[in-house]
Amino acid sequence: MLLHQSLLNLHTGNHDATTKGRKPRRRRTAFTHAQLAYLERKFRCQKYLSVADRSDVAEALNLSETQVKTWYQNRRTKWKRQNQLRLEQLRKQASIFTLQELFSF
C-alpha cells in the first residue's frame, strides 16, 4: 500500500516535502502593480542594489529583503537576455546591410 501511494503521489504531482526532510516550497510572490512600477523605475537607474538600498526598497514596498534581492536577480537575467537578443538582431541587420552593399553594383 505504501509503495502504491508513493507511485500515485509521483503520478499526480502530490509530493509531501516534509516527509523528505525539506521545508515546503515558498509560494510565489504576487507583486502589486505599484511595487512592480517602483522596482522597474529603480532598476532603470540602478542595476545592482547595495545592502542599504535593498533594505530601503524592501521597507518602502513592504517586502522582505530576500524578495527584493530575488526580483533584482531575475530582472537582471531578463535584462541580459533582452540585450543579447538585441545584439543578435543588430548583427543580422549589419550582415544583411553589408551583403546588400557587396552585391549592389
N, C-alpha and C. Protein backbone atom coordinates (compact mmCIF):
# COMPACT_ATOMS: atom_id res chain seq x y z
N MET A 1 0.83 -1.20 0.00
CA MET A 1 0.00 0.00 0.00
C MET A 1 0.87 1.26 0.00
N LEU A 2 1.94 1.27 0.78
CA LEU A 2 2.81 2.44 0.86
C LEU A 2 3.46 2.71 -0.49
N LEU A 3 3.93 1.68 -1.16
CA LEU A 3 4.54 1.84 -2.47
C LEU A 3 3.51 2.38 -3.46
N HIS A 4 2.30 1.83 -3.41
CA HIS A 4 1.23 2.28 -4.30
C HIS A 4 0.95 3.77 -4.08
N GLN A 5 0.88 4.21 -2.83
CA GLN A 5 0.60 5.62 -2.52
C GLN A 5 1.74 6.51 -3.02
N SER A 6 2.98 6.06 -2.88
CA SER A 6 4.12 6.84 -3.36
C SER A 6 4.07 6.98 -4.88
N LEU A 7 3.74 5.90 -5.57
CA LEU A 7 3.62 5.97 -7.03
C LEU A 7 2.48 6.88 -7.45
N LEU A 8 1.38 6.82 -6.71
CA LEU A 8 0.24 7.69 -7.00
C LEU A 8 0.63 9.15 -6.80
N ASN A 9 1.36 9.44 -5.73
CA ASN A 9 1.81 10.81 -5.47
C ASN A 9 2.75 11.30 -6.57
N LEU A 10 3.63 10.41 -7.05
CA LEU A 10 4.53 10.80 -8.14
C LEU A 10 3.74 11.11 -9.40
N HIS A 11 2.74 10.29 -9.68
CA HIS A 11 1.94 10.47 -10.88
C HIS A 11 1.10 11.74 -10.82
N THR A 12 0.53 12.03 -9.67
CA THR A 12 -0.35 13.20 -9.54
C THR A 12 0.41 14.46 -9.19
N GLY A 13 1.69 14.34 -8.89
CA GLY A 13 2.46 15.52 -8.52
C GLY A 13 2.23 15.94 -7.08
N ASN A 14 1.61 15.09 -6.29
CA ASN A 14 1.32 15.39 -4.90
C ASN A 14 2.49 14.94 -4.04
N HIS A 15 3.48 15.79 -3.90
CA HIS A 15 4.68 15.44 -3.13
C HIS A 15 4.60 16.09 -1.76
N ASP A 16 4.89 15.33 -0.74
CA ASP A 16 4.91 15.87 0.61
C ASP A 16 6.36 16.16 0.96
N ALA A 17 6.76 17.43 0.84
CA ALA A 17 8.16 17.82 1.05
C ALA A 17 8.61 17.57 2.47
N THR A 18 7.70 17.65 3.43
CA THR A 18 8.11 17.48 4.83
C THR A 18 8.53 16.05 5.12
N THR A 19 8.01 15.07 4.40
CA THR A 19 8.42 13.69 4.64
C THR A 19 9.82 13.44 4.12
N LYS A 20 10.31 14.29 3.24
CA LYS A 20 11.66 14.15 2.71
C LYS A 20 12.65 14.96 3.53
N GLY A 21 12.20 15.58 4.61
CA GLY A 21 13.09 16.35 5.46
C GLY A 21 13.35 17.76 4.97
N ARG A 22 12.59 18.21 3.99
CA ARG A 22 12.76 19.57 3.46
C ARG A 22 11.55 20.42 3.81
N LYS A 23 11.80 21.72 3.83
CA LYS A 23 10.69 22.64 4.03
C LYS A 23 9.84 22.68 2.77
N PRO A 24 8.55 22.91 2.91
CA PRO A 24 7.74 23.07 1.69
C PRO A 24 8.17 24.33 0.94
N ARG A 25 8.00 24.31 -0.37
CA ARG A 25 8.39 25.47 -1.18
C ARG A 25 7.56 26.68 -0.79
N ARG A 26 8.22 27.82 -0.83
CA ARG A 26 7.54 29.08 -0.54
C ARG A 26 6.68 29.45 -1.74
N ARG A 27 5.52 30.00 -1.46
CA ARG A 27 4.63 30.41 -2.55
C ARG A 27 5.24 31.56 -3.34
N ARG A 28 4.90 31.62 -4.60
CA ARG A 28 5.38 32.69 -5.48
C ARG A 28 4.80 34.02 -5.03
N THR A 29 5.64 35.06 -4.99
CA THR A 29 5.20 36.38 -4.58
C THR A 29 4.42 37.03 -5.70
N ALA A 30 3.25 37.53 -5.39
CA ALA A 30 2.44 38.27 -6.36
C ALA A 30 2.64 39.76 -6.08
N PHE A 31 3.53 40.38 -6.85
CA PHE A 31 3.80 41.80 -6.66
C PHE A 31 2.62 42.63 -7.17
N THR A 32 2.35 43.73 -6.49
CA THR A 32 1.30 44.64 -6.95
C THR A 32 1.84 45.47 -8.11
N HIS A 33 0.93 46.11 -8.84
CA HIS A 33 1.36 46.99 -9.94
C HIS A 33 2.26 48.10 -9.41
N ALA A 34 1.91 48.65 -8.25
CA ALA A 34 2.69 49.73 -7.67
C ALA A 34 4.10 49.25 -7.30
N GLN A 35 4.20 48.05 -6.73
CA GLN A 35 5.51 47.50 -6.37
C GLN A 35 6.35 47.27 -7.62
N LEU A 36 5.74 46.70 -8.66
CA LEU A 36 6.47 46.44 -9.90
C LEU A 36 6.93 47.74 -10.56
N ALA A 37 6.07 48.75 -10.56
CA ALA A 37 6.43 50.04 -11.15
C ALA A 37 7.62 50.64 -10.41
N TYR A 38 7.59 50.57 -9.09
CA TYR A 38 8.68 51.10 -8.26
C TYR A 38 9.98 50.34 -8.55
N LEU A 39 9.89 49.01 -8.55
CA LEU A 39 11.07 48.18 -8.79
C LEU A 39 11.65 48.43 -10.19
N GLU A 40 10.78 48.52 -11.19
CA GLU A 40 11.25 48.77 -12.56
C GLU A 40 11.92 50.14 -12.68
N ARG A 41 11.32 51.15 -12.04
CA ARG A 41 11.90 52.50 -12.06
C ARG A 41 13.29 52.50 -11.42
N LYS A 42 13.37 51.83 -10.28
CA LYS A 42 14.64 51.74 -9.56
C LYS A 42 15.67 50.98 -10.40
N PHE A 43 15.22 49.92 -11.06
CA PHE A 43 16.12 49.09 -11.86
C PHE A 43 16.68 49.86 -13.05
N ARG A 44 15.86 50.72 -13.67
CA ARG A 44 16.32 51.51 -14.81
C ARG A 44 17.52 52.37 -14.43
N CYS A 45 17.51 52.87 -13.20
CA CYS A 45 18.59 53.75 -12.73
C CYS A 45 19.74 52.98 -12.09
N GLN A 46 19.43 51.83 -11.53
CA GLN A 46 20.41 51.11 -10.70
C GLN A 46 20.23 49.60 -10.90
N LYS A 47 21.16 48.99 -11.62
CA LYS A 47 21.06 47.55 -11.92
C LYS A 47 21.43 46.67 -10.73
N TYR A 48 22.21 47.22 -9.80
CA TYR A 48 22.60 46.48 -8.60
C TYR A 48 22.31 47.34 -7.38
N LEU A 49 21.74 46.73 -6.35
CA LEU A 49 21.43 47.45 -5.11
C LEU A 49 22.46 47.12 -4.04
N SER A 50 22.85 48.14 -3.30
CA SER A 50 23.68 47.90 -2.11
C SER A 50 22.78 47.29 -1.04
N VAL A 51 23.37 46.80 0.01
CA VAL A 51 22.60 46.22 1.12
C VAL A 51 21.67 47.28 1.71
N ALA A 52 22.19 48.50 1.86
CA ALA A 52 21.38 49.59 2.43
C ALA A 52 20.22 49.94 1.50
N ASP A 53 20.50 50.03 0.20
CA ASP A 53 19.44 50.34 -0.77
C ASP A 53 18.39 49.24 -0.80
N ARG A 54 18.85 48.00 -0.76
CA ARG A 54 17.91 46.87 -0.77
C ARG A 54 17.00 46.92 0.44
N SER A 55 17.57 47.25 1.58
CA SER A 55 16.78 47.38 2.81
C SER A 55 15.75 48.49 2.68
N ASP A 56 16.17 49.63 2.11
CA ASP A 56 15.26 50.76 1.93
C ASP A 56 14.11 50.41 0.98
N VAL A 57 14.43 49.75 -0.12
CA VAL A 57 13.41 49.36 -1.09
C VAL A 57 12.44 48.37 -0.45
N ALA A 58 12.97 47.39 0.25
CA ALA A 58 12.12 46.39 0.91
C ALA A 58 11.16 47.05 1.89
N GLU A 59 11.69 47.98 2.66
CA GLU A 59 10.85 48.68 3.64
C GLU A 59 9.80 49.54 2.94
N ALA A 60 10.19 50.24 1.89
CA ALA A 60 9.26 51.11 1.17
C ALA A 60 8.13 50.32 0.53
N LEU A 61 8.41 49.09 0.10
CA LEU A 61 7.42 48.28 -0.60
C LEU A 61 6.75 47.23 0.28
N ASN A 62 7.14 47.20 1.55
CA ASN A 62 6.60 46.21 2.48
C ASN A 62 6.88 44.78 1.99
N LEU A 63 8.12 44.57 1.54
CA LEU A 63 8.59 43.26 1.10
C LEU A 63 9.80 42.87 1.94
N SER A 64 10.17 41.61 1.88
CA SER A 64 11.40 41.20 2.56
C SER A 64 12.59 41.53 1.67
N GLU A 65 13.75 41.64 2.28
CA GLU A 65 14.97 41.91 1.51
C GLU A 65 15.24 40.77 0.53
N THR A 66 14.91 39.56 0.94
CA THR A 66 15.09 38.40 0.06
C THR A 66 14.22 38.51 -1.18
N GLN A 67 12.99 38.98 -1.01
CA GLN A 67 12.10 39.15 -2.16
C GLN A 67 12.66 40.19 -3.13
N VAL A 68 13.18 41.28 -2.59
CA VAL A 68 13.76 42.34 -3.43
C VAL A 68 15.01 41.81 -4.13
N LYS A 69 15.86 41.11 -3.38
CA LYS A 69 17.09 40.55 -3.95
C LYS A 69 16.76 39.58 -5.09
N THR A 70 15.80 38.71 -4.87
CA THR A 70 15.41 37.72 -5.88
C THR A 70 14.81 38.40 -7.10
N TRP A 71 13.97 39.43 -6.87
CA TRP A 71 13.38 40.16 -8.00
C TRP A 71 14.50 40.78 -8.84
N TYR A 72 15.48 41.39 -8.19
CA TYR A 72 16.60 42.02 -8.90
C TYR A 72 17.42 40.98 -9.68
N GLN A 73 17.67 39.83 -9.08
CA GLN A 73 18.42 38.78 -9.77
C GLN A 73 17.68 38.34 -11.03
N ASN A 74 16.38 38.10 -10.88
CA ASN A 74 15.58 37.68 -12.03
C ASN A 74 15.51 38.77 -13.09
N ARG A 75 15.39 40.02 -12.66
CA ARG A 75 15.27 41.14 -13.61
C ARG A 75 16.57 41.35 -14.37
N ARG A 76 17.71 41.18 -13.68
CA ARG A 76 19.00 41.30 -14.37
C ARG A 76 19.15 40.20 -15.41
N THR A 77 18.71 39.01 -15.08
CA THR A 77 18.77 37.89 -16.03
C THR A 77 17.93 38.21 -17.27
N LYS A 78 16.73 38.73 -17.06
CA LYS A 78 15.86 39.11 -18.17
C LYS A 78 16.50 40.22 -19.00
N TRP A 79 17.09 41.21 -18.33
CA TRP A 79 17.73 42.34 -18.99
C TRP A 79 18.89 41.87 -19.87
N LYS A 80 19.71 40.97 -19.33
CA LYS A 80 20.85 40.45 -20.09
C LYS A 80 20.37 39.65 -21.31
N ARG A 81 19.33 38.86 -21.13
CA ARG A 81 18.78 38.07 -22.24
C ARG A 81 18.24 38.99 -23.33
N GLN A 82 17.52 40.06 -22.93
CA GLN A 82 16.98 41.01 -23.90
C GLN A 82 18.11 41.72 -24.64
N ASN A 83 19.15 42.10 -23.93
CA ASN A 83 20.29 42.76 -24.57
C ASN A 83 20.98 41.83 -25.56
N GLN A 84 21.07 40.57 -25.21
CA GLN A 84 21.69 39.58 -26.10
C GLN A 84 20.86 39.44 -27.38
N LEU A 85 19.54 39.41 -27.25
CA LEU A 85 18.67 39.31 -28.42
C LEU A 85 18.80 40.54 -29.31
N ARG A 86 18.85 41.72 -28.69
CA ARG A 86 19.02 42.96 -29.46
C ARG A 86 20.34 42.96 -30.22
N LEU A 87 21.38 42.50 -29.55
CA LEU A 87 22.70 42.44 -30.17
C LEU A 87 22.69 41.49 -31.37
N GLU A 88 22.05 40.35 -31.23
CA GLU A 88 21.95 39.40 -32.33
C GLU A 88 21.18 40.00 -33.50
N GLN A 89 20.10 40.73 -33.21
CA GLN A 89 19.32 41.38 -34.27
C GLN A 89 20.16 42.42 -34.99
N LEU A 90 20.92 43.20 -34.24
CA LEU A 90 21.79 44.21 -34.86
C LEU A 90 22.85 43.56 -35.74
N ARG A 91 23.40 42.44 -35.28
CA ARG A 91 24.40 41.73 -36.08
C ARG A 91 23.80 41.23 -37.40
N LYS A 92 22.58 40.70 -37.31
CA LYS A 92 21.90 40.22 -38.52
C LYS A 92 21.65 41.37 -39.48
N GLN A 93 21.16 42.49 -38.95
CA GLN A 93 20.90 43.66 -39.79
C GLN A 93 22.19 44.16 -40.42
N ALA A 94 23.26 44.18 -39.65
CA ALA A 94 24.54 44.65 -40.17
C ALA A 94 25.05 43.72 -41.27
N SER A 95 24.89 42.42 -41.09
CA SER A 95 25.37 41.48 -42.11
C SER A 95 24.51 41.58 -43.37
N ILE A 96 23.22 41.79 -43.23
CA ILE A 96 22.34 41.98 -44.39
C ILE A 96 22.73 43.25 -45.13
N PHE A 97 22.98 44.32 -44.38
CA PHE A 97 23.37 45.59 -44.98
C PHE A 97 24.68 45.44 -45.73
N THR A 98 25.63 44.73 -45.14
CA THR A 98 26.93 44.51 -45.77
C THR A 98 26.77 43.69 -47.05
N LEU A 99 25.94 42.66 -47.01
CA LEU A 99 25.70 41.84 -48.20
C LEU A 99 25.04 42.66 -49.31
N GLN A 100 24.10 43.52 -48.94
CA GLN A 100 23.43 44.36 -49.93
C GLN A 100 24.44 45.30 -50.59
N GLU A 101 25.35 45.85 -49.80
CA GLU A 101 26.37 46.73 -50.36
C GLU A 101 27.31 45.97 -51.29
N LEU A 102 27.64 44.75 -50.93
CA LEU A 102 28.55 43.96 -51.75
C LEU A 102 27.95 43.62 -53.11
N PHE A 103 26.65 43.34 -53.13
CA PHE A 103 26.02 42.87 -54.36
C PHE A 103 25.25 43.96 -55.11
N SER A 104 25.33 45.18 -54.66
CA SER A 104 24.64 46.25 -55.39
C SER A 104 25.67 47.00 -56.24
N PHE A 105 25.71 46.65 -57.49
CA PHE A 105 26.66 47.31 -58.40
C PHE A 105 26.00 47.72 -59.66
